[in-house]
Amino acid sequence: MPEFHLFSNGPRPVAPFSHAVESDGWVILTGQMPTDPNAPDAPLPEGIEAQTRRVMDNLALILSEMGLDLSHVVQCRCFLTEFERDYAAFNQTYQTYFPEDRRPARTTVGVTALAVGALVEVDCIARRPENDG
């Protein structure tokens, strides 16, 4: 049976969802917004680089709650509202979160809008090591 996780110190959900769902060692994380978990009503960070850092840090926070980290991520889906303008700067920031030889599979798409007026959203799938049960 899947396990549904909502963490009290995770980012406040902006819609009805779980932070993560786990089944058979697969962990699917909901797309994270560039909101501050400690100040959910604060303005979003300015610019794609700052918003990307906050999104990736939020993903890392949820993974940490599950005893995992970004090294367990096998796939990411990335959404940008200003694809042509922000793609290169997004990539520059995103790539700092993964070693060059262990980058997850990835899809990045341009979208017309995201929740809370964000410039970027990223979701991911992680795999729990088999010996972690």
N, C-alpha and C. Protein backbone atom coordinates (compact mmCIF):
# COMPACT_ATOMS: atom_id res chain seq x y z
N MET A 1 0.83 -1.19 0.00
CA MET A 1 0.00 0.00 0.00
C MET A 1 0.87 1.26 0.00
N PRO A 2 0.48 2.26 -0.72
CA PRO A 2 1.25 3.51 -0.69
C PRO A 2 1.15 4.18 0.67
N GLU A 3 2.22 4.89 1.01
CA GLU A 3 2.25 5.71 2.23
C GLU A 3 2.21 7.17 1.79
N PHE A 4 1.33 7.95 2.43
CA PHE A 4 1.16 9.35 2.09
C PHE A 4 1.78 10.20 3.19
N HIS A 5 2.66 11.13 2.81
CA HIS A 5 3.42 11.92 3.79
C HIS A 5 3.13 13.40 3.65
N LEU A 6 2.80 14.02 4.78
CA LEU A 6 2.66 15.46 4.86
C LEU A 6 3.43 15.88 6.12
N PHE A 7 4.46 16.70 5.96
CA PHE A 7 5.36 17.02 7.06
C PHE A 7 5.09 18.42 7.61
N SER A 8 4.99 18.51 8.92
CA SER A 8 4.64 19.78 9.56
C SER A 8 5.69 20.86 9.31
N ASN A 9 6.96 20.50 9.15
CA ASN A 9 7.97 21.52 8.90
C ASN A 9 8.30 21.65 7.40
N GLY A 10 7.52 21.01 6.55
CA GLY A 10 7.69 21.17 5.12
C GLY A 10 6.97 22.42 4.64
N PRO A 11 7.17 22.79 3.39
CA PRO A 11 6.46 23.95 2.85
C PRO A 11 4.95 23.76 2.97
N ARG A 12 4.24 24.82 3.29
CA ARG A 12 2.79 24.75 3.40
C ARG A 12 2.21 24.43 2.02
N PRO A 13 1.40 23.37 1.91
CA PRO A 13 0.80 23.05 0.62
C PRO A 13 -0.05 24.20 0.08
N VAL A 14 0.04 24.42 -1.22
CA VAL A 14 -0.74 25.46 -1.87
C VAL A 14 -1.98 24.87 -2.53
N ALA A 15 -2.19 23.57 -2.37
CA ALA A 15 -3.34 22.86 -2.93
C ALA A 15 -3.52 21.58 -2.11
N PRO A 16 -4.57 20.81 -2.36
CA PRO A 16 -4.77 19.57 -1.60
C PRO A 16 -3.88 18.43 -2.11
N PHE A 17 -2.73 18.24 -1.48
CA PHE A 17 -1.81 17.17 -1.86
C PHE A 17 -0.94 16.77 -0.69
N SER A 18 -0.27 15.64 -0.83
CA SER A 18 0.75 15.19 0.11
C SER A 18 2.09 15.71 -0.36
N HIS A 19 3.03 15.91 0.56
CA HIS A 19 4.39 16.29 0.14
C HIS A 19 5.04 15.17 -0.66
N ALA A 20 4.75 13.92 -0.27
CA ALA A 20 5.34 12.78 -0.96
C ALA A 20 4.46 11.56 -0.77
N VAL A 21 4.58 10.64 -1.72
CA VAL A 21 3.92 9.35 -1.63
C VAL A 21 4.98 8.30 -1.92
N GLU A 22 5.00 7.25 -1.09
CA GLU A 22 5.99 6.19 -1.25
C GLU A 22 5.30 4.86 -1.45
N SER A 23 5.83 4.08 -2.39
CA SER A 23 5.34 2.74 -2.65
C SER A 23 6.47 1.89 -3.18
N ASP A 24 6.70 0.76 -2.55
CA ASP A 24 7.74 -0.19 -2.99
C ASP A 24 9.10 0.45 -3.18
N GLY A 25 9.46 1.37 -2.31
CA GLY A 25 10.77 2.02 -2.36
C GLY A 25 10.85 3.21 -3.30
N TRP A 26 9.80 3.45 -4.07
CA TRP A 26 9.74 4.63 -4.95
C TRP A 26 9.10 5.76 -4.17
N VAL A 27 9.71 6.93 -4.24
CA VAL A 27 9.22 8.11 -3.53
C VAL A 27 8.94 9.20 -4.56
N ILE A 28 7.68 9.59 -4.64
CA ILE A 28 7.27 10.60 -5.59
C ILE A 28 6.99 11.88 -4.82
N LEU A 29 7.73 12.93 -5.11
CA LEU A 29 7.56 14.21 -4.44
C LEU A 29 6.71 15.14 -5.28
N THR A 30 5.78 15.80 -4.60
CA THR A 30 4.97 16.82 -5.23
C THR A 30 5.87 17.97 -5.68
N GLY A 31 5.49 18.60 -6.77
CA GLY A 31 6.24 19.77 -7.23
C GLY A 31 6.33 20.81 -6.14
N GLN A 32 7.52 21.33 -5.95
CA GLN A 32 7.76 22.34 -4.92
C GLN A 32 7.80 23.73 -5.53
N MET A 33 7.26 24.65 -4.75
CA MET A 33 7.23 26.05 -5.13
C MET A 33 8.37 26.78 -4.40
N PRO A 34 8.69 27.99 -4.81
CA PRO A 34 9.77 28.74 -4.16
C PRO A 34 9.29 29.49 -2.91
N THR A 35 8.49 28.82 -2.10
CA THR A 35 8.00 29.41 -0.86
C THR A 35 8.92 29.03 0.29
N ASP A 36 9.00 29.88 1.27
CA ASP A 36 9.84 29.66 2.44
C ASP A 36 9.04 28.85 3.46
N PRO A 37 9.48 27.64 3.82
CA PRO A 37 8.74 26.83 4.79
C PRO A 37 8.59 27.52 6.15
N ASN A 38 9.52 28.40 6.48
CA ASN A 38 9.48 29.10 7.77
C ASN A 38 8.68 30.39 7.72
N ALA A 39 8.33 30.84 6.53
CA ALA A 39 7.56 32.08 6.36
C ALA A 39 6.70 31.94 5.11
N PRO A 40 5.68 31.08 5.15
CA PRO A 40 4.94 30.75 3.93
C PRO A 40 4.21 31.91 3.27
N ASP A 41 3.97 32.98 4.01
CA ASP A 41 3.29 34.13 3.43
C ASP A 41 4.25 35.23 2.96
N ALA A 42 5.54 34.99 3.12
CA ALA A 42 6.55 35.97 2.68
C ALA A 42 6.55 36.05 1.15
N PRO A 43 6.95 37.19 0.60
CA PRO A 43 7.07 37.29 -0.86
C PRO A 43 8.05 36.24 -1.39
N LEU A 44 7.83 35.81 -2.62
CA LEU A 44 8.75 34.85 -3.24
C LEU A 44 10.09 35.52 -3.48
N PRO A 45 11.17 34.73 -3.50
CA PRO A 45 12.48 35.31 -3.84
C PRO A 45 12.43 35.94 -5.23
N GLU A 46 13.25 36.95 -5.43
CA GLU A 46 13.31 37.64 -6.72
C GLU A 46 14.21 36.87 -7.69
N GLY A 47 13.73 36.64 -8.89
CA GLY A 47 14.55 36.09 -9.96
C GLY A 47 14.58 34.57 -10.00
N ILE A 48 14.93 34.05 -11.16
CA ILE A 48 14.92 32.61 -11.39
C ILE A 48 15.97 31.88 -10.56
N GLU A 49 17.15 32.46 -10.39
CA GLU A 49 18.19 31.77 -9.62
C GLU A 49 17.75 31.57 -8.17
N ALA A 50 17.25 32.62 -7.53
CA ALA A 50 16.82 32.53 -6.13
C ALA A 50 15.62 31.60 -5.99
N GLN A 51 14.70 31.67 -6.94
CA GLN A 51 13.54 30.78 -6.87
C GLN A 51 13.94 29.33 -7.10
N THR A 52 14.87 29.09 -7.99
CA THR A 52 15.35 27.72 -8.22
C THR A 52 16.01 27.17 -6.97
N ARG A 53 16.85 27.97 -6.33
CA ARG A 53 17.49 27.51 -5.08
C ARG A 53 16.44 27.15 -4.03
N ARG A 54 15.43 27.98 -3.86
CA ARG A 54 14.39 27.71 -2.86
C ARG A 54 13.63 26.43 -3.20
N VAL A 55 13.29 26.24 -4.47
CA VAL A 55 12.59 25.03 -4.90
C VAL A 55 13.44 23.79 -4.61
N MET A 56 14.70 23.84 -5.00
CA MET A 56 15.57 22.68 -4.79
C MET A 56 15.80 22.43 -3.29
N ASP A 57 15.93 23.49 -2.52
CA ASP A 57 16.08 23.33 -1.07
C ASP A 57 14.81 22.73 -0.47
N ASN A 58 13.65 23.10 -0.98
CA ASN A 58 12.40 22.52 -0.49
C ASN A 58 12.31 21.03 -0.83
N LEU A 59 12.74 20.65 -2.04
CA LEU A 59 12.78 19.23 -2.38
C LEU A 59 13.72 18.49 -1.43
N ALA A 60 14.89 19.07 -1.18
CA ALA A 60 15.86 18.44 -0.26
C ALA A 60 15.27 18.31 1.14
N LEU A 61 14.50 19.29 1.58
CA LEU A 61 13.87 19.24 2.90
C LEU A 61 12.90 18.07 2.99
N ILE A 62 12.06 17.89 1.99
CA ILE A 62 11.10 16.79 2.00
C ILE A 62 11.84 15.45 1.95
N LEU A 63 12.84 15.35 1.10
CA LEU A 63 13.63 14.12 1.05
C LEU A 63 14.26 13.82 2.40
N SER A 64 14.80 14.84 3.05
CA SER A 64 15.42 14.68 4.37
C SER A 64 14.41 14.13 5.38
N GLU A 65 13.18 14.61 5.34
CA GLU A 65 12.14 14.12 6.23
C GLU A 65 11.91 12.62 6.04
N MET A 66 12.24 12.12 4.88
CA MET A 66 12.04 10.71 4.57
C MET A 66 13.33 9.90 4.71
N GLY A 67 14.39 10.54 5.24
CA GLY A 67 15.66 9.86 5.40
C GLY A 67 16.43 9.70 4.10
N LEU A 68 16.13 10.56 3.13
CA LEU A 68 16.79 10.51 1.83
C LEU A 68 17.43 11.86 1.54
N ASP A 69 18.12 11.95 0.40
CA ASP A 69 18.67 13.22 -0.05
C ASP A 69 18.65 13.26 -1.57
N LEU A 70 19.17 14.33 -2.13
CA LEU A 70 19.11 14.49 -3.58
C LEU A 70 19.86 13.41 -4.34
N SER A 71 20.78 12.70 -3.70
CA SER A 71 21.49 11.61 -4.39
C SER A 71 20.56 10.45 -4.71
N HIS A 72 19.40 10.39 -4.09
CA HIS A 72 18.43 9.33 -4.34
C HIS A 72 17.46 9.66 -5.48
N VAL A 73 17.54 10.89 -6.00
CA VAL A 73 16.63 11.33 -7.06
C VAL A 73 17.04 10.70 -8.39
N VAL A 74 16.05 10.11 -9.07
CA VAL A 74 16.32 9.48 -10.37
C VAL A 74 15.69 10.24 -11.53
N GLN A 75 14.72 11.12 -11.23
CA GLN A 75 14.05 11.86 -12.29
C GLN A 75 13.47 13.14 -11.75
N CYS A 76 13.56 14.22 -12.53
CA CYS A 76 12.94 15.51 -12.19
C CYS A 76 12.12 16.00 -13.37
N ARG A 77 11.03 16.67 -13.04
CA ARG A 77 10.27 17.41 -14.05
C ARG A 77 10.28 18.86 -13.60
N CYS A 78 10.64 19.73 -14.53
CA CYS A 78 10.84 21.15 -14.22
C CYS A 78 9.90 21.97 -15.10
N PHE A 79 9.31 23.00 -14.48
CA PHE A 79 8.34 23.83 -15.16
C PHE A 79 8.76 25.28 -15.02
N LEU A 80 8.86 25.99 -16.14
CA LEU A 80 9.29 27.39 -16.16
C LEU A 80 8.22 28.24 -16.84
N THR A 81 7.86 29.36 -16.22
CA THR A 81 6.87 30.25 -16.83
C THR A 81 7.49 31.15 -17.91
N GLU A 82 8.77 31.38 -17.84
CA GLU A 82 9.48 32.21 -18.83
C GLU A 82 10.62 31.38 -19.42
N PHE A 83 10.24 30.34 -20.16
CA PHE A 83 11.21 29.34 -20.61
C PHE A 83 12.40 29.95 -21.35
N GLU A 84 12.15 30.71 -22.38
CA GLU A 84 13.26 31.23 -23.18
C GLU A 84 14.14 32.17 -22.37
N ARG A 85 13.55 33.00 -21.55
CA ARG A 85 14.32 33.95 -20.74
C ARG A 85 15.11 33.25 -19.65
N ASP A 86 14.52 32.26 -18.98
CA ASP A 86 15.09 31.72 -17.74
C ASP A 86 15.79 30.37 -17.86
N TYR A 87 15.68 29.70 -19.00
CA TYR A 87 16.21 28.33 -19.12
C TYR A 87 17.70 28.23 -18.79
N ALA A 88 18.51 29.08 -19.35
CA ALA A 88 19.96 29.00 -19.11
C ALA A 88 20.30 29.27 -17.64
N ALA A 89 19.71 30.30 -17.05
CA ALA A 89 19.99 30.61 -15.64
C ALA A 89 19.45 29.53 -14.72
N PHE A 90 18.29 28.98 -15.07
CA PHE A 90 17.75 27.85 -14.30
C PHE A 90 18.75 26.69 -14.30
N ASN A 91 19.26 26.33 -15.49
CA ASN A 91 20.21 25.22 -15.60
C ASN A 91 21.47 25.47 -14.77
N GLN A 92 21.98 26.70 -14.81
CA GLN A 92 23.18 27.03 -14.05
C GLN A 92 22.99 26.75 -12.56
N THR A 93 21.84 27.12 -12.03
CA THR A 93 21.56 26.91 -10.61
C THR A 93 21.22 25.45 -10.33
N TYR A 94 20.35 24.86 -11.12
CA TYR A 94 19.92 23.47 -10.94
C TYR A 94 21.10 22.52 -10.89
N GLN A 95 22.05 22.69 -11.80
CA GLN A 95 23.16 21.73 -11.90
C GLN A 95 24.06 21.72 -10.67
N THR A 96 24.01 22.75 -9.85
CA THR A 96 24.84 22.77 -8.65
C THR A 96 24.33 21.81 -7.57
N TYR A 97 23.15 21.28 -7.74
CA TYR A 97 22.55 20.38 -6.75
C TYR A 97 22.88 18.91 -6.99
N PHE A 98 23.52 18.60 -8.13
CA PHE A 98 23.83 17.21 -8.46
C PHE A 98 25.25 17.10 -9.01
N PRO A 99 25.98 16.07 -8.60
CA PRO A 99 27.30 15.85 -9.20
C PRO A 99 27.13 15.59 -10.71
N GLU A 100 28.11 16.00 -11.48
CA GLU A 100 28.03 15.89 -12.93
C GLU A 100 27.79 14.45 -13.39
N ASP A 101 28.32 13.48 -12.67
CA ASP A 101 28.18 12.08 -13.08
C ASP A 101 26.95 11.39 -12.46
N ARG A 102 26.09 12.15 -11.75
CA ARG A 102 24.90 11.55 -11.13
C ARG A 102 23.68 12.47 -11.27
N ARG A 103 23.51 12.99 -12.44
CA ARG A 103 22.37 13.87 -12.69
C ARG A 103 21.14 13.03 -13.03
N PRO A 104 19.99 13.35 -12.43
CA PRO A 104 18.77 12.59 -12.73
C PRO A 104 18.32 12.80 -14.17
N ALA A 105 17.52 11.87 -14.65
CA ALA A 105 16.82 12.10 -15.91
C ALA A 105 15.94 13.33 -15.69
N ARG A 106 15.67 14.08 -16.75
CA ARG A 106 14.95 15.33 -16.54
C ARG A 106 14.16 15.74 -17.77
N THR A 107 13.02 16.35 -17.51
CA THR A 107 12.21 17.00 -18.53
C THR A 107 11.97 18.42 -18.04
N THR A 108 12.11 19.40 -18.94
CA THR A 108 11.83 20.79 -18.59
C THR A 108 10.89 21.35 -19.64
N VAL A 109 9.79 21.95 -19.18
CA VAL A 109 8.81 22.49 -20.10
C VAL A 109 8.44 23.91 -19.72
N GLY A 110 8.05 24.68 -20.70
CA GLY A 110 7.51 26.01 -20.46
C GLY A 110 6.01 25.92 -20.24
N VAL A 111 5.53 26.67 -19.27
CA VAL A 111 4.10 26.68 -18.94
C VAL A 111 3.61 28.13 -18.89
N THR A 112 2.31 28.31 -18.96
CA THR A 112 1.77 29.67 -18.96
C THR A 112 1.72 30.29 -17.58
N ALA A 113 1.58 29.48 -16.53
CA ALA A 113 1.51 30.02 -15.18
C ALA A 113 1.73 28.89 -14.18
N LEU A 114 2.15 29.27 -12.97
CA LEU A 114 2.31 28.34 -11.85
C LEU A 114 1.63 28.92 -10.62
N ALA A 115 1.33 28.06 -9.68
CA ALA A 115 0.71 28.49 -8.42
C ALA A 115 1.57 29.56 -7.76
N VAL A 116 0.96 30.40 -6.99
CA VAL A 116 1.56 31.49 -6.20
C VAL A 116 2.41 32.45 -7.03
N GLY A 117 2.23 32.45 -8.35
CA GLY A 117 2.98 33.37 -9.20
C GLY A 117 4.45 33.00 -9.36
N ALA A 118 4.78 31.73 -9.11
CA ALA A 118 6.17 31.29 -9.18
C ALA A 118 6.69 31.29 -10.62
N LEU A 119 8.00 31.44 -10.75
CA LEU A 119 8.67 31.32 -12.04
C LEU A 119 9.06 29.89 -12.35
N VAL A 120 9.18 29.04 -11.29
CA VAL A 120 9.69 27.68 -11.45
C VAL A 120 9.01 26.75 -10.45
N GLU A 121 8.83 25.51 -10.88
CA GLU A 121 8.38 24.42 -10.02
C GLU A 121 9.13 23.18 -10.46
N VAL A 122 9.51 22.34 -9.51
CA VAL A 122 10.21 21.09 -9.82
C VAL A 122 9.60 19.99 -8.96
N ASP A 123 9.28 18.86 -9.59
CA ASP A 123 8.91 17.68 -8.84
C ASP A 123 9.95 16.60 -9.12
N CYS A 124 9.91 15.52 -8.38
CA CYS A 124 10.91 14.49 -8.62
C CYS A 124 10.44 13.13 -8.14
N ILE A 125 11.16 12.12 -8.62
CA ILE A 125 10.99 10.75 -8.17
C ILE A 125 12.34 10.30 -7.62
N ALA A 126 12.30 9.72 -6.43
CA ALA A 126 13.51 9.18 -5.81
C ALA A 126 13.32 7.69 -5.58
N ARG A 127 14.41 6.99 -5.40
CA ARG A 127 14.39 5.56 -5.13
C ARG A 127 15.13 5.31 -3.83
N ARG A 128 14.44 4.68 -2.89
CA ARG A 128 15.06 4.31 -1.63
C ARG A 128 16.00 3.14 -1.88
N PRO A 129 17.23 3.19 -1.31
CA PRO A 129 18.13 2.03 -1.47
C PRO A 129 17.45 0.77 -0.93
N GLU A 130 17.68 -0.35 -1.61
CA GLU A 130 16.99 -1.59 -1.25
C GLU A 130 17.23 -2.02 0.19
N ASN A 131 18.41 -1.75 0.75
CA ASN A 131 18.69 -2.17 2.12
C ASN A 131 18.04 -1.27 3.16
N ASP A 132 17.40 -0.15 2.72
CA ASP A 132 16.73 0.74 3.66
C ASP A 132 15.29 0.32 3.93
N GLY A 133 14.75 -0.59 3.11
CA GLY A 133 13.39 -1.09 3.30
C GLY A 133 12.43 0.01 3.30
